[in-house]
PDB file of all heavy atoms in Angstrom:
ATOM      1  N   ILE A   1     122.566 113.971-151.159  1.00  0.00           N
ATOM      2  CA  ILE A   1     122.616 113.283-149.861  1.00  0.00           C
ATOM      3  C   ILE A   1     122.277 114.274-148.745  1.00  0.00           C
ATOM      4  O   ILE A   1     121.485 113.972-147.846  1.00  0.00           O
ATOM      5  CB  ILE A   1     123.996 112.632-149.619  1.00  0.00           C
ATOM      6  CG1 ILE A   1     124.250 111.494-150.606  1.00  0.00           C
ATOM      7  CG2 ILE A   1     124.130 112.138-148.180  1.00  0.00           C
ATOM      8  CD1 ILE A   1     123.311 110.318-150.462  1.00  0.00           C
ATOM      9  N   VAL A   2     122.843 115.462-148.800  1.00  0.00           N
ATOM     10  CA  VAL A   2     122.550 116.495-147.792  1.00  0.00           C
ATOM     11  C   VAL A   2     121.079 116.881-147.857  1.00  0.00           C
ATOM     12  O   VAL A   2     120.410 117.012-146.821  1.00  0.00           O
ATOM     13  CB  VAL A   2     123.475 117.722-147.988  1.00  0.00           C
ATOM     14  CG1 VAL A   2     123.006 118.890-147.144  1.00  0.00           C
ATOM     15  CG2 VAL A   2     124.913 117.363-147.672  1.00  0.00           C
ATOM     16  N   ALA A   3     120.533 117.044-149.045  1.00  0.00           N
ATOM     17  CA  ALA A   3     119.122 117.408-149.201  1.00  0.00           C
ATOM     18  C   ALA A   3     118.206 116.318-148.640  1.00  0.00           C
ATOM     19  O   ALA A   3     117.211 116.607-147.966  1.00  0.00           O
ATOM     20  CB  ALA A   3     118.802 117.668-150.668  1.00  0.00           C
ATOM     21  N   MET A   4     118.544 115.067-148.904  1.00  0.00           N
ATOM     22  CA  MET A   4     117.742 113.970-148.356  1.00  0.00           C
ATOM     23  C   MET A   4     117.839 113.939-146.835  1.00  0.00           C
ATOM     24  O   MET A   4     116.855 113.665-146.149  1.00  0.00           O
ATOM     25  CB  MET A   4     118.182 112.628-148.964  1.00  0.00           C
ATOM     26  CG  MET A   4     117.745 112.473-150.394  1.00  0.00           C
ATOM     27  SD  MET A   4     118.100 110.890-151.230  1.00  0.00           S
ATOM     28  CE  MET A   4     119.207 110.008-150.228  1.00  0.00           C
ATOM     29  N   GLY A   5     119.016 114.225-146.303  1.00  0.00           N
ATOM     30  CA  GLY A   5     119.182 114.278-144.849  1.00  0.00           C
ATOM     31  C   GLY A   5     118.337 115.384-144.237  1.00  0.00           C
ATOM     32  O   GLY A   5     117.697 115.195-143.202  1.00  0.00           O
ATOM     33  N   ILE A   6     118.316 116.550-144.879  1.00  0.00           N
ATOM     34  CA  ILE A   6     117.497 117.665-144.390  1.00  0.00           C
ATOM     35  C   ILE A   6     116.020 117.306-144.476  1.00  0.00           C
ATOM     36  O   ILE A   6     115.251 117.581-143.549  1.00  0.00           O
ATOM     37  CB  ILE A   6     117.819 118.950-145.181  1.00  0.00           C
ATOM     38  CG1 ILE A   6     119.220 119.441-144.817  1.00  0.00           C
ATOM     39  CG2 ILE A   6     116.779 120.032-144.909  1.00  0.00           C
ATOM     40  CD1 ILE A   6     119.725 120.588-145.672  1.00  0.00           C
ATOM     41  N   GLN A   7     115.630 116.663-145.569  1.00  0.00           N
ATOM     42  CA  GLN A   7     114.242 116.260-145.711  1.00  0.00           C
ATOM     43  C   GLN A   7     113.850 115.232-144.651  1.00  0.00           C
ATOM     44  O   GLN A   7     112.779 115.313-144.054  1.00  0.00           O
ATOM     45  CB  GLN A   7     114.010 115.683-147.114  1.00  0.00           C
ATOM     46  CG  GLN A   7     112.558 115.408-147.409  1.00  0.00           C
ATOM     47  CD  GLN A   7     112.361 114.923-148.840  1.00  0.00           C
ATOM     48  OE1 GLN A   7     113.306 114.496-149.496  1.00  0.00           O
ATOM     49  NE2 GLN A   7     111.127 114.974-149.303  1.00  0.00           N
ATOM     50  N   LEU A   8     114.715 114.291-144.370  1.00  0.00           N
ATOM     51  CA  LEU A   8     114.449 113.300-143.334  1.00  0.00           C
ATOM     52  C   LEU A   8     114.380 113.957-141.959  1.00  0.00           C
ATOM     53  O   LEU A   8     113.499 113.649-141.150  1.00  0.00           O
ATOM     54  CB  LEU A   8     115.533 112.210-143.364  1.00  0.00           C
ATOM     55  CG  LEU A   8     115.354 111.050-142.395  1.00  0.00           C
ATOM     56  CD1 LEU A   8     114.086 110.268-142.730  1.00  0.00           C
ATOM     57  CD2 LEU A   8     116.563 110.131-142.432  1.00  0.00           C
ATOM     58  N   LEU A   9     115.299 114.879-141.699  1.00  0.00           N
ATOM     59  CA  LEU A   9     115.297 115.609-140.430  1.00  0.00           C
ATOM     60  C   LEU A   9     114.005 116.399-140.271  1.00  0.00           C
ATOM     61  O   LEU A   9     113.397 116.407-139.199  1.00  0.00           O
ATOM     62  CB  LEU A   9     116.517 116.538-140.359  1.00  0.00           C
ATOM     63  CG  LEU A   9     116.670 117.356-139.091  1.00  0.00           C
ATOM     64  CD1 LEU A   9     116.962 116.440-137.909  1.00  0.00           C
ATOM     65  CD2 LEU A   9     117.772 118.380-139.257  1.00  0.00           C
ATOM     66  N   THR A  10     113.567 117.032-141.341  1.00  0.00           N
ATOM     67  CA  THR A  10     112.312 117.788-141.308  1.00  0.00           C
ATOM     68  C   THR A  10     111.146 116.864-141.008  1.00  0.00           C
ATOM     69  O   THR A  10     110.294 117.178-140.185  1.00  0.00           O
ATOM     70  CB  THR A  10     112.089 118.497-142.657  1.00  0.00           C
ATOM     71  OG1 THR A  10     113.169 119.406-142.880  1.00  0.00           O
ATOM     72  CG2 THR A  10     110.775 119.245-142.682  1.00  0.00           C
ATOM     73  N   LYS A  11     111.121 115.721-141.676  1.00  0.00           N
ATOM     74  CA  LYS A  11     110.009 114.780-141.495  1.00  0.00           C
ATOM     75  C   LYS A  11     109.971 114.208-140.079  1.00  0.00           C
ATOM     76  O   LYS A  11     108.905 114.076-139.484  1.00  0.00           O
ATOM     77  CB  LYS A  11     110.138 113.639-142.519  1.00  0.00           C
ATOM     78  CG  LYS A  11     108.956 112.743-142.602  1.00  0.00           C
ATOM     79  CD  LYS A  11     107.850 113.435-143.329  1.00  0.00           C
ATOM     80  CE  LYS A  11     106.723 112.483-143.610  1.00  0.00           C
ATOM     81  NZ  LYS A  11     105.529 113.182-143.988  1.00  0.00           N
ATOM     82  N   LEU A  12     111.120 113.883-139.531  1.00  0.00           N
ATOM     83  CA  LEU A  12     111.171 113.208-138.235  1.00  0.00           C
ATOM     84  C   LEU A  12     111.193 114.159-137.049  1.00  0.00           C
ATOM     85  O   LEU A  12     110.759 113.788-135.960  1.00  0.00           O
ATOM     86  CB  LEU A  12     112.394 112.292-138.171  1.00  0.00           C
ATOM     87  CG  LEU A  12     112.405 111.116-139.135  1.00  0.00           C
ATOM     88  CD1 LEU A  12     113.698 110.330-138.993  1.00  0.00           C
ATOM     89  CD2 LEU A  12     111.203 110.224-138.921  1.00  0.00           C
ATOM     90  N   LEU A  13     111.684 115.365-137.210  1.00  0.00           N
ATOM     91  CA  LEU A  13     111.857 116.258-136.070  1.00  0.00           C
ATOM     92  C   LEU A  13     111.014 117.517-136.180  1.00  0.00           C
ATOM     93  O   LEU A  13     110.226 117.828-135.292  1.00  0.00           O
ATOM     94  CB  LEU A  13     113.337 116.625-135.909  1.00  0.00           C
ATOM     95  CG  LEU A  13     113.674 117.577-134.767  1.00  0.00           C
ATOM     96  CD1 LEU A  13     113.332 116.920-133.438  1.00  0.00           C
ATOM     97  CD2 LEU A  13     115.132 117.964-134.812  1.00  0.00           C
ATOM     98  N   ILE A  14     111.143 118.224-137.277  1.00  0.00           N
ATOM     99  CA  ILE A  14     110.507 119.527-137.371  1.00  0.00           C
ATOM    100  C   ILE A  14     108.997 119.413-137.535  1.00  0.00           C
ATOM    101  O   ILE A  14     108.241 120.119-136.865  1.00  0.00           O
ATOM    102  CB  ILE A  14     111.149 120.353-138.507  1.00  0.00           C
ATOM    103  CG1 ILE A  14     112.616 120.610-138.144  1.00  0.00           C
ATOM    104  CG2 ILE A  14     110.410 121.661-138.722  1.00  0.00           C
ATOM    105  CD1 ILE A  14     113.436 121.260-139.216  1.00  0.00           C
ATOM    106  N   GLU A  15     108.511 118.517-138.376  1.00  0.00           N
ATOM    107  CA  GLU A  15     107.064 118.371-138.559  1.00  0.00           C
ATOM    108  C   GLU A  15     106.341 117.983-137.263  1.00  0.00           C
ATOM    109  O   GLU A  15     105.299 118.559-136.957  1.00  0.00           O
ATOM    110  CB  GLU A  15     106.757 117.378-139.677  1.00  0.00           C
ATOM    111  CG  GLU A  15     106.954 117.956-141.053  1.00  0.00           C
ATOM    112  CD  GLU A  15     106.597 116.984-142.161  1.00  0.00           C
ATOM    113  OE1 GLU A  15     105.985 115.918-141.884  1.00  0.00           O
ATOM    114  OE2 GLU A  15     106.922 117.288-143.318  1.00  0.00           O
ATOM    115  N   PRO A  16     106.856 117.030-136.462  1.00  0.00           N
ATOM    116  CA  PRO A  16     106.184 116.744-135.187  1.00  0.00           C
ATOM    117  C   PRO A  16     106.183 117.951-134.235  1.00  0.00           C
ATOM    118  O   PRO A  16     105.199 118.183-133.536  1.00  0.00           O
ATOM    119  CB  PRO A  16     106.995 115.586-134.592  1.00  0.00           C
ATOM    120  CG  PRO A  16     107.613 114.929-135.763  1.00  0.00           C
ATOM    121  CD  PRO A  16     107.882 116.030-136.747  1.00  0.00           C
ATOM    122  N   ILE A  17     107.253 118.733-134.245  1.00  0.00           N
ATOM    123  CA  ILE A  17     107.293 119.918-133.380  1.00  0.00           C
ATOM    124  C   ILE A  17     106.269 120.939-133.852  1.00  0.00           C
ATOM    125  O   ILE A  17     105.543 121.532-133.038  1.00  0.00           O
ATOM    126  CB  ILE A  17     108.712 120.509-133.334  1.00  0.00           C
ATOM    127  CG1 ILE A  17     109.653 119.558-132.576  1.00  0.00           C
ATOM    128  CG2 ILE A  17     108.711 121.887-132.679  1.00  0.00           C
ATOM    129  CD1 ILE A  17     111.106 119.943-132.623  1.00  0.00           C
ATOM    130  N   VAL A  18     106.165 121.148-135.150  1.00  0.00           N
ATOM    131  CA  VAL A  18     105.171 122.078-135.698  1.00  0.00           C
ATOM    132  C   VAL A  18     103.762 121.585-135.369  1.00  0.00           C
ATOM    133  O   VAL A  18     102.894 122.368-134.953  1.00  0.00           O
ATOM    134  CB  VAL A  18     105.371 122.248-137.226  1.00  0.00           C
ATOM    135  CG1 VAL A  18     104.197 122.973-137.857  1.00  0.00           C
ATOM    136  CG2 VAL A  18     106.671 122.983-137.511  1.00  0.00           C
ATOM    137  N   GLN A  19     103.524 120.287-135.523  1.00  0.00           N
ATOM    138  CA  GLN A  19     102.213 119.712-135.180  1.00  0.00           C
ATOM    139  C   GLN A  19     101.911 119.910-133.692  1.00  0.00           C
ATOM    140  O   GLN A  19     100.799 120.257-133.314  1.00  0.00           O
ATOM    141  CB  GLN A  19     102.202 118.222-135.536  1.00  0.00           C
ATOM    142  CG  GLN A  19     100.896 117.528-135.217  1.00  0.00           C
ATOM    143  CD  GLN A  19     100.980 116.019-135.448  1.00  0.00           C
ATOM    144  OE1 GLN A  19     102.046 115.468-135.696  1.00  0.00           O
ATOM    145  NE2 GLN A  19      99.855 115.349-135.327  1.00  0.00           N
ATOM    146  N   PHE A  20     102.903 119.696-132.853  1.00  0.00           N
ATOM    147  CA  PHE A  20     102.779 119.889-131.409  1.00  0.00           C
ATOM    148  C   PHE A  20     102.360 121.332-131.116  1.00  0.00           C
ATOM    149  O   PHE A  20     101.409 121.583-130.380  1.00  0.00           O
ATOM    150  CB  PHE A  20     104.130 119.563-130.762  1.00  0.00           C
ATOM    151  CG  PHE A  20     104.171 119.645-129.272  1.00  0.00           C
ATOM    152  CD1 PHE A  20     103.847 118.551-128.501  1.00  0.00           C
ATOM    153  CD2 PHE A  20     104.556 120.813-128.636  1.00  0.00           C
ATOM    154  CE1 PHE A  20     103.911 118.608-127.129  1.00  0.00           C
ATOM    155  CE2 PHE A  20     104.620 120.876-127.259  1.00  0.00           C
ATOM    156  CZ  PHE A  20     104.294 119.775-126.504  1.00  0.00           C
ATOM    157  N   ILE A  21     103.051 122.291-131.705  1.00  0.00           N
ATOM    158  CA  ILE A  21     102.768 123.713-131.468  1.00  0.00           C
ATOM    159  C   ILE A  21     101.390 124.090-131.999  1.00  0.00           C
ATOM    160  O   ILE A  21     100.637 124.816-131.335  1.00  0.00           O
ATOM    161  CB  ILE A  21     103.872 124.584-132.099  1.00  0.00           C
ATOM    162  CG1 ILE A  21     105.180 124.384-131.342  1.00  0.00           C
ATOM    163  CG2 ILE A  21     103.486 126.057-132.111  1.00  0.00           C
ATOM    164  CD1 ILE A  21     106.407 124.960-132.024  1.00  0.00           C
ATOM    165  N   GLU A  22     101.035 123.617-133.188  1.00  0.00           N
ATOM    166  CA  GLU A  22      99.719 123.929-133.761  1.00  0.00           C
ATOM    167  C   GLU A  22      98.592 123.391-132.888  1.00  0.00           C
ATOM    168  O   GLU A  22      97.569 124.049-132.697  1.00  0.00           O
ATOM    169  CB  GLU A  22      99.605 123.376-135.180  1.00  0.00           C
ATOM    170  CG  GLU A  22     100.411 124.167-136.190  1.00  0.00           C
ATOM    171  CD  GLU A  22     100.410 123.537-137.576  1.00  0.00           C
ATOM    172  OE1 GLU A  22      99.914 122.388-137.736  1.00  0.00           O
ATOM    173  OE2 GLU A  22     100.926 124.189-138.504  1.00  0.00           O
ATOM    174  N   THR A  23      98.758 122.204-132.351  1.00  0.00           N
ATOM    175  CA  THR A  23      97.734 121.622-131.481  1.00  0.00           C
ATOM    176  C   THR A  23      97.552 122.460-130.225  1.00  0.00           C
ATOM    177  O   THR A  23      96.428 122.687-129.777  1.00  0.00           O
ATOM    178  CB  THR A  23      98.110 120.177-131.088  1.00  0.00           C
ATOM    179  OG1 THR A  23      98.303 119.414-132.265  1.00  0.00           O
ATOM    180  CG2 THR A  23      97.024 119.537-130.251  1.00  0.00           C
ATOM    181  N   ILE A  24      98.638 122.937-129.679  1.00  0.00           N
ATOM    182  CA  ILE A  24      98.557 123.770-128.473  1.00  0.00           C
ATOM    183  C   ILE A  24      97.873 125.089-128.776  1.00  0.00           C
ATOM    184  O   ILE A  24      97.079 125.588-127.985  1.00  0.00           O
ATOM    185  CB  ILE A  24      99.969 124.005-127.889  1.00  0.00           C
ATOM    186  CG1 ILE A  24     100.545 122.702-127.354  1.00  0.00           C
ATOM    187  CG2 ILE A  24      99.939 125.063-126.792  1.00  0.00           C
ATOM    188  CD1 ILE A  24     101.997 122.784-126.963  1.00  0.00           C
ATOM    189  N   ASN A  25      98.151 125.655-129.935  1.00  0.00           N
ATOM    190  CA  ASN A  25      97.641 126.983-130.269  1.00  0.00           C
ATOM    191  C   ASN A  25      96.187 127.007-130.713  1.00  0.00           C
ATOM    192  O   ASN A  25      95.578 128.070-130.749  1.00  0.00           O
ATOM    193  CB  ASN A  25      98.512 127.632-131.350  1.00  0.00           C
ATOM    194  CG  ASN A  25      99.848 128.056-130.802  1.00  0.00           C
ATOM    195  OD1 ASN A  25      99.981 128.372-129.627  1.00  0.00           O
ATOM    196  ND2 ASN A  25     100.860 128.064-131.651  1.00  0.00           N
TER     197      ASN A  25
END
C-alpha cells in the first residue's frame, strides 16, 4: 500500500515537476 502510494505520488506530482524543469532547461 505504501509503495503504491509512493508510485501514485510520483506519477501525479514528481513527474510533472520533472517535466516542467526539463522543458525550461
